[in-house]
Amino acid sequence: MNLLWDEDCRNMVHDEARYLVLRKNDVSKTASMGKLSPNWEGPYTVRAANSNGSYMISTMEGDHIPLPWHSTNLRKCHL
């Protein structure tokens, strides 16, 4: 079962270019506002891509997010 899941979790970006991504809101420890709360927060920039499918991200102001985020919790942002 785990092998099938790992096949579906492909890396979003294949280089360390500064892509804009949105972060899933229910994973981060923000206060829930109920049903009408936004599902995604951001945009963030990708600083580095790790080999296990996780990414180091930072805010648009340049503040680094300390923990890596897996690609299943990130979505490309098209502005």
PDB file of N, CA and C in Angstrom:
ATOM      1  N   MET A   1       0.824  -1.194   0.000  1.00  0.00           N
ATOM      2  CA  MET A   1       0.000   0.000   0.000  1.00  0.00           C
ATOM      3  C   MET A   1       0.867   1.256   0.000  1.00  0.00           C
ATOM      4  N   ASN A   2       1.935   1.221   0.781  1.00  0.00           N
ATOM      5  CA  ASN A   2       2.812   2.382   0.862  1.00  0.00           C
ATOM      6  C   ASN A   2       3.500   2.650  -0.472  1.00  0.00           C
ATOM      7  N   LEU A   3       3.836   1.610  -1.213  1.00  0.00           N
ATOM      8  CA  LEU A   3       4.492   1.799  -2.505  1.00  0.00           C
ATOM      9  C   LEU A   3       3.571   2.489  -3.498  1.00  0.00           C
ATOM     10  N   LEU A   4       2.284   2.161  -3.465  1.00  0.00           N
ATOM     11  CA  LEU A   4       1.339   2.824  -4.358  1.00  0.00           C
ATOM     12  C   LEU A   4       1.206   4.296  -4.011  1.00  0.00           C
ATOM     13  N   TRP A   5       1.204   4.616  -2.726  1.00  0.00           N
ATOM     14  CA  TRP A   5       1.111   6.012  -2.301  1.00  0.00           C
ATOM     15  C   TRP A   5       2.359   6.790  -2.718  1.00  0.00           C
ATOM     16  N   ASP A   6       3.524   6.178  -2.565  1.00  0.00           N
ATOM     17  CA  ASP A   6       4.768   6.845  -2.918  1.00  0.00           C
ATOM     18  C   ASP A   6       4.862   7.118  -4.410  1.00  0.00           C
ATOM     19  N   GLU A   7       4.258   6.261  -5.240  1.00  0.00           N
ATOM     20  CA  GLU A   7       4.266   6.506  -6.677  1.00  0.00           C
ATOM     21  C   GLU A   7       3.429   7.725  -7.030  1.00  0.00           C
ATOM     22  N   ASP A   8       2.346   7.964  -6.282  1.00  0.00           N
ATOM     23  CA  ASP A   8       1.487   9.105  -6.566  1.00  0.00           C
ATOM     24  C   ASP A   8       2.087  10.416  -6.078  1.00  0.00           C
ATOM     25  N   CYS A   9       2.970  10.373  -5.093  1.00  0.00           N
ATOM     26  CA  CYS A   9       3.574  11.580  -4.532  1.00  0.00           C
ATOM     27  C   CYS A   9       4.803  11.951  -5.348  1.00  0.00           C
ATOM     28  N   ARG A  10       4.580  12.618  -6.437  1.00  0.00           N
ATOM     29  CA  ARG A  10       5.688  13.048  -7.280  1.00  0.00           C
ATOM     30  C   ARG A  10       6.129  14.441  -6.854  1.00  0.00           C
ATOM     31  N   ASN A  11       7.369  14.747  -7.121  1.00  0.00           N
ATOM     32  CA  ASN A  11       7.873  16.076  -6.797  1.00  0.00           C
ATOM     33  C   ASN A  11       7.223  17.105  -7.706  1.00  0.00           C
ATOM     34  N   MET A  12       6.898  18.270  -7.144  1.00  0.00           N
ATOM     35  CA  MET A  12       6.276  19.329  -7.926  1.00  0.00           C
ATOM     36  C   MET A  12       7.291  20.000  -8.829  1.00  0.00           C
ATOM     37  N   VAL A  13       8.430  20.307  -8.284  1.00  0.00           N
ATOM     38  CA  VAL A  13       9.466  21.008  -9.040  1.00  0.00           C
ATOM     39  C   VAL A  13      10.714  20.150  -9.041  1.00  0.00           C
ATOM     40  N   HIS A  14      11.467  20.218 -10.110  1.00  0.00           N
ATOM     41  CA  HIS A  14      12.642  19.370 -10.239  1.00  0.00           C
ATOM     42  C   HIS A  14      13.943  20.143 -10.090  1.00  0.00           C
ATOM     43  N   ASP A  15      13.846  21.396  -9.805  1.00  0.00           N
ATOM     44  CA  ASP A  15      15.041  22.191  -9.552  1.00  0.00           C
ATOM     45  C   ASP A  15      14.732  23.141  -8.403  1.00  0.00           C
ATOM     46  N   GLU A  16      15.704  23.917  -8.025  1.00  0.00           N
ATOM     47  CA  GLU A  16      15.527  24.804  -6.876  1.00  0.00           C
ATOM     48  C   GLU A  16      15.172  26.221  -7.310  1.00  0.00           C
ATOM     49  N   ALA A  17      14.452  26.347  -8.410  1.00  0.00           N
ATOM     50  CA  ALA A  17      14.006  27.668  -8.841  1.00  0.00           C
ATOM     51  C   ALA A  17      12.985  28.192  -7.834  1.00  0.00           C
ATOM     52  N   ARG A  18      12.798  29.458  -7.809  1.00  0.00           N
ATOM     53  CA  ARG A  18      11.911  30.069  -6.819  1.00  0.00           C
ATOM     54  C   ARG A  18      10.464  30.047  -7.308  1.00  0.00           C
ATOM     55  N   TYR A  19       9.835  28.890  -7.154  1.00  0.00           N
ATOM     56  CA  TYR A  19       8.430  28.742  -7.491  1.00  0.00           C
ATOM     57  C   TYR A  19       7.579  29.301  -6.368  1.00  0.00           C
ATOM     58  N   LEU A  20       6.394  29.771  -6.724  1.00  0.00           N
ATOM     59  CA  LEU A  20       5.427  30.199  -5.725  1.00  0.00           C
ATOM     60  C   LEU A  20       4.505  29.031  -5.420  1.00  0.00           C
ATOM     61  N   VAL A  21       4.284  28.770  -4.146  1.00  0.00           N
ATOM     62  CA  VAL A  21       3.420  27.671  -3.728  1.00  0.00           C
ATOM     63  C   VAL A  21       2.451  28.161  -2.661  1.00  0.00           C
ATOM     64  N   LEU A  22       1.338  27.451  -2.529  1.00  0.00           N
ATOM     65  CA  LEU A  22       0.392  27.650  -1.447  1.00  0.00           C
ATOM     66  C   LEU A  22       0.541  26.487  -0.478  1.00  0.00           C
ATOM     67  N   ARG A  23       0.362  26.759   0.803  1.00  0.00           N
ATOM     68  CA  ARG A  23       0.508  25.749   1.850  1.00  0.00           C
ATOM     69  C   ARG A  23      -0.880  25.381   2.364  1.00  0.00           C
ATOM     70  N   LYS A  24      -1.132  24.082   2.567  1.00  0.00           N
ATOM     71  CA  LYS A  24      -2.428  23.628   3.059  1.00  0.00           C
ATOM     72  C   LYS A  24      -2.665  24.191   4.454  1.00  0.00           C
ATOM     73  N   ASN A  25      -3.826  24.778   4.656  1.00  0.00           N
ATOM     74  CA  ASN A  25      -4.109  25.511   5.881  1.00  0.00           C
ATOM     75  C   ASN A  25      -4.380  24.598   7.068  1.00  0.00           C
ATOM     76  N   ASP A  26      -4.959  23.421   6.862  1.00  0.00           N
ATOM     77  CA  ASP A  26      -5.294  22.575   8.009  1.00  0.00           C
ATOM     78  C   ASP A  26      -4.083  21.874   8.600  1.00  0.00           C
ATOM     79  N   VAL A  27      -2.971  21.855   7.894  1.00  0.00           N
ATOM     80  CA  VAL A  27      -1.755  21.235   8.419  1.00  0.00           C
ATOM     81  C   VAL A  27      -1.036  22.187   9.358  1.00  0.00           C
ATOM     82  N   SER A  28      -1.031  23.480   9.015  1.00  0.00           N
ATOM     83  CA  SER A  28      -0.377  24.453   9.885  1.00  0.00           C
ATOM     84  C   SER A  28      -1.233  24.676  11.125  1.00  0.00           C
ATOM     85  N   LYS A  29      -0.615  25.126  12.173  1.00  0.00           N
ATOM     86  CA  LYS A  29      -1.292  25.258  13.463  1.00  0.00           C
ATOM     87  C   LYS A  29      -1.973  26.619  13.607  1.00  0.00           C
ATOM     88  N   THR A  30      -2.822  26.978  12.667  1.00  0.00           N
ATOM     89  CA  THR A  30      -3.549  28.236  12.770  1.00  0.00           C
ATOM     90  C   THR A  30      -4.920  27.983  13.380  1.00  0.00           C
ATOM     91  N   ALA A  31      -5.527  29.019  13.894  1.00  0.00           N
ATOM     92  CA  ALA A  31      -6.847  28.881  14.504  1.00  0.00           C
ATOM     93  C   ALA A  31      -7.889  28.607  13.426  1.00  0.00           C
ATOM     94  N   SER A  32      -8.742  27.650  13.668  1.00  0.00           N
ATOM     95  CA  SER A  32      -9.779  27.291  12.709  1.00  0.00           C
ATOM     96  C   SER A  32     -10.917  28.295  12.792  1.00  0.00           C
ATOM     97  N   MET A  33     -11.409  28.696  11.623  1.00  0.00           N
ATOM     98  CA  MET A  33     -12.520  29.635  11.576  1.00  0.00           C
ATOM     99  C   MET A  33     -13.799  28.946  11.110  1.00  0.00           C
ATOM    100  N   GLY A  34     -13.823  27.630  11.101  1.00  0.00           N
ATOM    101  CA  GLY A  34     -15.023  26.919  10.710  1.00  0.00           C
ATOM    102  C   GLY A  34     -15.007  26.521   9.246  1.00  0.00           C
ATOM    103  N   LYS A  35     -16.208  26.306   8.709  1.00  0.00           N
ATOM    104  CA  LYS A  35     -16.348  25.808   7.350  1.00  0.00           C
ATOM    105  C   LYS A  35     -15.861  26.784   6.292  1.00  0.00           C
ATOM    106  N   LEU A  36     -15.980  28.059   6.551  1.00  0.00           N
ATOM    107  CA  LEU A  36     -15.663  29.060   5.538  1.00  0.00           C
ATOM    108  C   LEU A  36     -14.230  29.562   5.610  1.00  0.00           C
ATOM    109  N   SER A  37     -13.398  28.910   6.373  1.00  0.00           N
ATOM    110  CA  SER A  37     -11.998  29.324   6.446  1.00  0.00           C
ATOM    111  C   SER A  37     -11.286  28.930   5.156  1.00  0.00           C
ATOM    112  N   PRO A  38     -10.266  29.664   4.749  1.00  0.00           N
ATOM    113  CA  PRO A  38      -9.547  29.319   3.516  1.00  0.00           C
ATOM    114  C   PRO A  38      -8.808  27.995   3.652  1.00  0.00           C
ATOM    115  N   ASN A  39      -8.779  27.226   2.565  1.00  0.00           N
ATOM    116  CA  ASN A  39      -8.123  25.923   2.582  1.00  0.00           C
ATOM    117  C   ASN A  39      -6.623  26.031   2.367  1.00  0.00           C
ATOM    118  N   TRP A  40      -6.167  27.084   1.715  1.00  0.00           N
ATOM    119  CA  TRP A  40      -4.752  27.252   1.385  1.00  0.00           C
ATOM    120  C   TRP A  40      -4.296  28.622   1.855  1.00  0.00           C
ATOM    121  N   GLU A  41      -3.045  28.721   2.285  1.00  0.00           N
ATOM    122  CA  GLU A  41      -2.482  30.003   2.704  1.00  0.00           C
ATOM    123  C   GLU A  41      -1.175  30.236   1.962  1.00  0.00           C
ATOM    124  N   GLY A  42      -0.858  31.479   1.763  1.00  0.00           N
ATOM    125  CA  GLY A  42       0.376  31.799   1.051  1.00  0.00           C
ATOM    126  C   GLY A  42       0.176  33.028   0.200  1.00  0.00           C
ATOM    127  N   PRO A  43       0.988  33.275  -0.746  1.00  0.00           N
ATOM    128  CA  PRO A  43       1.975  32.401  -1.371  1.00  0.00           C
ATOM    129  C   PRO A  43       3.309  32.395  -0.631  1.00  0.00           C
ATOM    130  N   TYR A  44       4.035  31.311  -0.813  1.00  0.00           N
ATOM    131  CA  TYR A  44       5.378  31.124  -0.287  1.00  0.00           C
ATOM    132  C   TYR A  44       6.316  30.840  -1.458  1.00  0.00           C
ATOM    133  N   THR A  45       7.601  31.045  -1.247  1.00  0.00           N
ATOM    134  CA  THR A  45       8.585  30.706  -2.276  1.00  0.00           C
ATOM    135  C   THR A  45       9.339  29.454  -1.854  1.00  0.00           C
ATOM    136  N   VAL A  46       9.677  28.622  -2.836  1.00  0.00           N
ATOM    137  CA  VAL A  46      10.438  27.404  -2.575  1.00  0.00           C
ATOM    138  C   VAL A  46      11.912  27.771  -2.512  1.00  0.00           C
ATOM    139  N   ARG A  47      12.561  27.473  -1.393  1.00  0.00           N
ATOM    140  CA  ARG A  47      13.996  27.729  -1.241  1.00  0.00           C
ATOM    141  C   ARG A  47      14.826  26.562  -1.728  1.00  0.00           C
ATOM    142  N   ALA A  48      14.424  25.344  -1.358  1.00  0.00           N
ATOM    143  CA  ALA A  48      15.205  24.156  -1.707  1.00  0.00           C
ATOM    144  C   ALA A  48      14.272  22.962  -1.817  1.00  0.00           C
ATOM    145  N   ALA A  49      14.613  22.052  -2.724  1.00  0.00           N
ATOM    146  CA  ALA A  49      13.869  20.806  -2.891  1.00  0.00           C
ATOM    147  C   ALA A  49      14.711  19.667  -2.337  1.00  0.00           C
ATOM    148  N   ASN A  50      14.151  18.898  -1.419  1.00  0.00           N
ATOM    149  CA  ASN A  50      14.843  17.749  -0.842  1.00  0.00           C
ATOM    150  C   ASN A  50      14.562  16.504  -1.672  1.00  0.00           C
ATOM    151  N   SER A  51      15.373  15.481  -1.517  1.00  0.00           N
ATOM    152  CA  SER A  51      15.240  14.276  -2.334  1.00  0.00           C
ATOM    153  C   SER A  51      14.033  13.422  -1.948  1.00  0.00           C
ATOM    154  N   ASN A  52      13.468  13.621  -0.766  1.00  0.00           N
ATOM    155  CA  ASN A  52      12.343  12.794  -0.321  1.00  0.00           C
ATOM    156  C   ASN A  52      10.986  13.399  -0.661  1.00  0.00           C
ATOM    157  N   GLY A  53      10.943  14.428  -1.490  1.00  0.00           N
ATOM    158  CA  GLY A  53       9.678  15.038  -1.880  1.00  0.00           C
ATOM    159  C   GLY A  53       9.239  16.171  -0.988  1.00  0.00           C
ATOM    160  N   SER A  54      10.092  16.621  -0.084  1.00  0.00           N
ATOM    161  CA  SER A  54       9.752  17.744   0.778  1.00  0.00           C
ATOM    162  C   SER A  54      10.484  18.992   0.304  1.00  0.00           C
ATOM    163  N   TYR A  55       9.961  20.141   0.717  1.00  0.00           N
ATOM    164  CA  TYR A  55      10.494  21.418   0.257  1.00  0.00           C
ATOM    165  C   TYR A  55      10.696  22.355   1.431  1.00  0.00           C
ATOM    166  N   MET A  56      11.751  23.130   1.369  1.00  0.00           N
ATOM    167  CA  MET A  56      11.975  24.204   2.323  1.00  0.00           C
ATOM    168  C   MET A  56      11.377  25.457   1.703  1.00  0.00           C
ATOM    169  N   ILE A  57      10.499  26.135   2.438  1.00  0.00           N
ATOM    170  CA  ILE A  57       9.809  27.296   1.891  1.00  0.00           C
ATOM    171  C   ILE A  57      10.078  28.510   2.762  1.00  0.00           C
ATOM    172  N   SER A  58       9.810  29.682   2.197  1.00  0.00           N
ATOM    173  CA  SER A  58       9.929  30.933   2.939  1.00  0.00           C
ATOM    174  C   SER A  58       8.791  31.846   2.523  1.00  0.00           C
ATOM    175  N   THR A  59       8.496  32.825   3.366  1.00  0.00           N
ATOM    176  CA  THR A  59       7.435  33.772   3.064  1.00  0.00           C
ATOM    177  C   THR A  59       7.894  34.724   1.970  1.00  0.00           C
ATOM    178  N   MET A  60       6.981  35.510   1.462  1.00  0.00           N
ATOM    179  CA  MET A  60       7.321  36.464   0.410  1.00  0.00           C
ATOM    180  C   MET A  60       8.255  37.556   0.935  1.00  0.00           C
ATOM    181  N   GLU A  61       8.241  37.799   2.249  1.00  0.00           N
ATOM    182  CA  GLU A  61       9.126  38.794   2.848  1.00  0.00           C
ATOM    183  C   GLU A  61      10.531  38.253   3.064  1.00  0.00           C
ATOM    184  N   GLY A  62      10.729  36.946   2.896  1.00  0.00           N
ATOM    185  CA  GLY A  62      12.044  36.350   3.058  1.00  0.00           C
ATOM    186  C   GLY A  62      12.250  35.614   4.368  1.00  0.00           C
ATOM    187  N   ASP A  63      11.221  35.550   5.224  1.00  0.00           N
ATOM    188  CA  ASP A  63      11.334  34.812   6.486  1.00  0.00           C
ATOM    189  C   ASP A  63      11.271  33.315   6.200  1.00  0.00           C
ATOM    190  N   HIS A  64      12.230  32.561   6.726  1.00  0.00           N
ATOM    191  CA  HIS A  64      12.301  31.129   6.474  1.00  0.00           C
ATOM    192  C   HIS A  64      11.330  30.372   7.374  1.00  0.00           C
ATOM    193  N   ILE A  65      10.612  29.427   6.796  1.00  0.00           N
ATOM    194  CA  ILE A  65       9.783  28.498   7.562  1.00  0.00           C
ATOM    195  C   ILE A  65      10.719  27.379   8.026  1.00  0.00           C
ATOM    196  N   PRO A  66      10.811  27.092   9.334  1.00  0.00           N
ATOM    197  CA  PRO A  66      11.879  26.217   9.832  1.00  0.00           C
ATOM    198  C   PRO A  66      11.755  24.749   9.428  1.00  0.00           C
ATOM    199  N   LEU A  67      10.562  24.227   9.247  1.00  0.00           N
ATOM    200  CA  LEU A  67      10.390  22.803   8.962  1.00  0.00           C
ATOM    201  C   LEU A  67      10.125  22.576   7.476  1.00  0.00           C
ATOM    202  N   PRO A  68      10.552  21.435   6.934  1.00  0.00           N
ATOM    203  CA  PRO A  68      10.240  21.131   5.534  1.00  0.00           C
ATOM    204  C   PRO A  68       8.769  20.742   5.378  1.00  0.00           C
ATOM    205  N   TRP A  69       8.222  20.996   4.183  1.00  0.00           N
ATOM    206  CA  TRP A  69       6.833  20.669   3.869  1.00  0.00           C
ATOM    207  C   TRP A  69       6.814  19.667   2.728  1.00  0.00           C
ATOM    208  N   HIS A  70       6.006  18.612   2.868  1.00  0.00           N
ATOM    209  CA  HIS A  70       5.910  17.589   1.832  1.00  0.00           C
ATOM    210  C   HIS A  70       5.061  18.109   0.670  1.00  0.00           C
ATOM    211  N   SER A  71       5.305  17.570  -0.504  1.00  0.00           N
ATOM    212  CA  SER A  71       4.629  18.051  -1.709  1.00  0.00           C
ATOM    213  C   SER A  71       3.127  17.801  -1.681  1.00  0.00           C
ATOM    214  N   THR A  72       2.649  16.855  -0.869  1.00  0.00           N
ATOM    215  CA  THR A  72       1.207  16.635  -0.775  1.00  0.00           C
ATOM    216  C   THR A  72       0.505  17.773  -0.046  1.00  0.00           C
ATOM    217  N   ASN A  73       1.247  18.578   0.713  1.00  0.00           N
ATOM    218  CA  ASN A  73       0.671  19.703   1.442  1.00  0.00           C
ATOM    219  C   ASN A  73       0.957  21.037   0.774  1.00  0.00           C
ATOM    220  N   LEU A  74       1.513  21.008  -0.423  1.00  0.00           N
ATOM    221  CA  LEU A  74       1.814  22.223  -1.175  1.00  0.00           C
ATOM    222  C   LEU A  74       1.134  22.166  -2.533  1.00  0.00           C
ATOM    223  N   ARG A  75       0.831  23.334  -3.070  1.00  0.00           N
ATOM    224  CA  ARG A  75       0.225  23.449  -4.388  1.00  0.00           C
ATOM    225  C   ARG A  75       0.874  24.624  -5.105  1.00  0.00           C
ATOM    226  N   LYS A  76       1.118  24.473  -6.403  1.00  0.00           N
ATOM    227  CA  LYS A  76       1.692  25.572  -7.169  1.00  0.00           C
ATOM    228  C   LYS A  76       0.732  26.744  -7.194  1.00  0.00           C
ATOM    229  N   CYS A  77       1.277  27.935  -7.099  1.00  0.00           N
ATOM    230  CA  CYS A  77       0.488  29.159  -7.124  1.00  0.00           C
ATOM    231  C   CYS A  77       0.742  29.856  -8.451  1.00  0.00           C
ATOM    232  N   HIS A  78      -0.312  30.140  -9.181  1.00  0.00           N
ATOM    233  CA  HIS A  78      -0.196  30.805 -10.479  1.00  0.00           C
ATOM    234  C   HIS A  78      -0.743  32.220 -10.341  1.00  0.00           C
ATOM    235  N   LEU A  79       0.146  33.181 -10.248  1.00  0.00           N
ATOM    236  CA  LEU A  79      -0.279  34.581 -10.140  1.00  0.00           C
ATOM    237  C   LEU A  79      -0.128  35.275 -11.462  1.00  0.00           C
TER     238      LEU A  79
END
